[in-house]
Amino acid sequence: ENGYVGEIATVETGAGIKPCAV
């Protein structure tokens, strides 16, 4: 998977990126 992973929770978007979701 490409992109970055959040620290607490991760939400995988359609673009394949996992932004930090607190």
PDB file of N, CA and C in Angstrom:
ATOM      1  N   GLU A   1       0.848  -1.196   0.000  1.00  0.00           N
ATOM      2  CA  GLU A   1       0.000   0.000   0.000  1.00  0.00           C
ATOM      3  C   GLU A   1       0.879   1.240   0.000  1.00  0.00           C
ATOM      4  N   ASN A   2       0.449   2.202  -0.776  1.00  0.00           N
ATOM      5  CA  ASN A   2       1.224   3.442  -0.834  1.00  0.00           C
ATOM      6  C   ASN A   2       0.585   4.498   0.049  1.00  0.00           C
ATOM      7  N   GLY A   3       1.340   5.499   0.417  1.00  0.00           N
ATOM      8  CA  GLY A   3       0.831   6.554   1.288  1.00  0.00           C
ATOM      9  C   GLY A   3       1.415   6.404   2.684  1.00  0.00           C
ATOM     10  N   TYR A   4       0.799   7.081   3.648  1.00  0.00           N
ATOM     11  CA  TYR A   4       1.313   7.009   5.008  1.00  0.00           C
ATOM     12  C   TYR A   4       0.232   6.467   5.928  1.00  0.00           C
ATOM     13  N   VAL A   5       0.669   5.951   7.055  1.00  0.00           N
ATOM     14  CA  VAL A   5      -0.272   5.360   7.996  1.00  0.00           C
ATOM     15  C   VAL A   5      -0.400   6.256   9.220  1.00  0.00           C
ATOM     16  N   GLY A   6      -1.637   6.423   9.675  1.00  0.00           N
ATOM     17  CA  GLY A   6      -1.881   7.254  10.853  1.00  0.00           C
ATOM     18  C   GLY A   6      -1.363   6.576  12.113  1.00  0.00           C
ATOM     19  N   GLU A   7      -1.285   7.336  13.191  1.00  0.00           N
ATOM     20  CA  GLU A   7      -0.723   6.801  14.420  1.00  0.00           C
ATOM     21  C   GLU A   7      -1.754   5.987  15.185  1.00  0.00           C
ATOM     22  N   ILE A   8      -2.945   6.560  15.339  1.00  0.00           N
ATOM     23  CA  ILE A   8      -3.972   5.892  16.145  1.00  0.00           C
ATOM     24  C   ILE A   8      -4.839   4.989  15.284  1.00  0.00           C
ATOM     25  N   ALA A   9      -5.574   5.592  14.393  1.00  0.00           N
ATOM     26  CA  ALA A   9      -6.457   4.807  13.540  1.00  0.00           C
ATOM     27  C   ALA A   9      -6.200   5.162  12.088  1.00  0.00           C
ATOM     28  N   THR A  10      -6.418   4.193  11.202  1.00  0.00           N
ATOM     29  CA  THR A  10      -6.165   4.445   9.791  1.00  0.00           C
ATOM     30  C   THR A  10      -7.399   4.165   8.960  1.00  0.00           C
ATOM     31  N   VAL A  11      -7.687   5.082   8.044  1.00  0.00           N
ATOM     32  CA  VAL A  11      -8.846   4.902   7.176  1.00  0.00           C
ATOM     33  C   VAL A  11      -8.367   4.884   5.732  1.00  0.00           C
ATOM     34  N   GLU A  12      -8.524   3.742   5.092  1.00  0.00           N
ATOM     35  CA  GLU A  12      -8.029   3.613   3.733  1.00  0.00           C
ATOM     36  C   GLU A  12      -8.986   4.281   2.755  1.00  0.00           C
ATOM     37  N   THR A  13      -8.479   5.246   2.011  1.00  0.00           N
ATOM     38  CA  THR A  13      -9.312   5.968   1.065  1.00  0.00           C
ATOM     39  C   THR A  13      -9.289   5.289  -0.295  1.00  0.00           C
ATOM     40  N   GLY A  14     -10.052   5.803  -1.223  1.00  0.00           N
ATOM     41  CA  GLY A  14     -10.118   5.212  -2.552  1.00  0.00           C
ATOM     42  C   GLY A  14      -8.800   5.333  -3.288  1.00  0.00           C
ATOM     43  N   ALA A  15      -8.000   6.324  -2.904  1.00  0.00           N
ATOM     44  CA  ALA A  15      -6.725   6.543  -3.578  1.00  0.00           C
ATOM     45  C   ALA A  15      -5.657   5.596  -3.045  1.00  0.00           C
ATOM     46  N   GLY A  16      -6.004   4.846  -2.011  1.00  0.00           N
ATOM     47  CA  GLY A  16      -5.044   3.910  -1.447  1.00  0.00           C
ATOM     48  C   GLY A  16      -4.204   4.541  -0.356  1.00  0.00           C
ATOM     49  N   ILE A  17      -4.548   5.775   0.008  1.00  0.00           N
ATOM     50  CA  ILE A  17      -3.795   6.465   1.055  1.00  0.00           C
ATOM     51  C   ILE A  17      -4.482   6.256   2.401  1.00  0.00           C
ATOM     52  N   LYS A  18      -3.698   6.135   3.439  1.00  0.00           N
ATOM     53  CA  LYS A  18      -4.288   5.917   4.753  1.00  0.00           C
ATOM     54  C   LYS A  18      -3.964   7.095   5.673  1.00  0.00           C
ATOM     55  N   PRO A  19      -4.798   8.127   5.653  1.00  0.00           N
ATOM     56  CA  PRO A  19      -4.572   9.293   6.501  1.00  0.00           C
ATOM     57  C   PRO A  19      -4.928   8.990   7.948  1.00  0.00           C
ATOM     58  N   CYS A  20      -4.382   9.790   8.860  1.00  0.00           N
ATOM     59  CA  CYS A  20      -4.635   9.574  10.271  1.00  0.00           C
ATOM     60  C   CYS A  20      -6.059   9.988  10.616  1.00  0.00           C
ATOM     61  N   ALA A  21      -6.824   9.058  11.144  1.00  0.00           N
ATOM     62  CA  ALA A  21      -8.205   9.349  11.533  1.00  0.00           C
ATOM     63  C   ALA A  21      -8.347   9.179  13.040  1.00  0.00           C
ATOM     64  N   VAL A  22      -8.456  10.280  13.743  1.00  0.00           N
ATOM     65  CA  VAL A  22      -8.539  10.225  15.210  1.00  0.00           C
ATOM     66  C   VAL A  22     -10.001  10.122  15.622  1.00  0.00           C
TER      67      VAL A  22
END
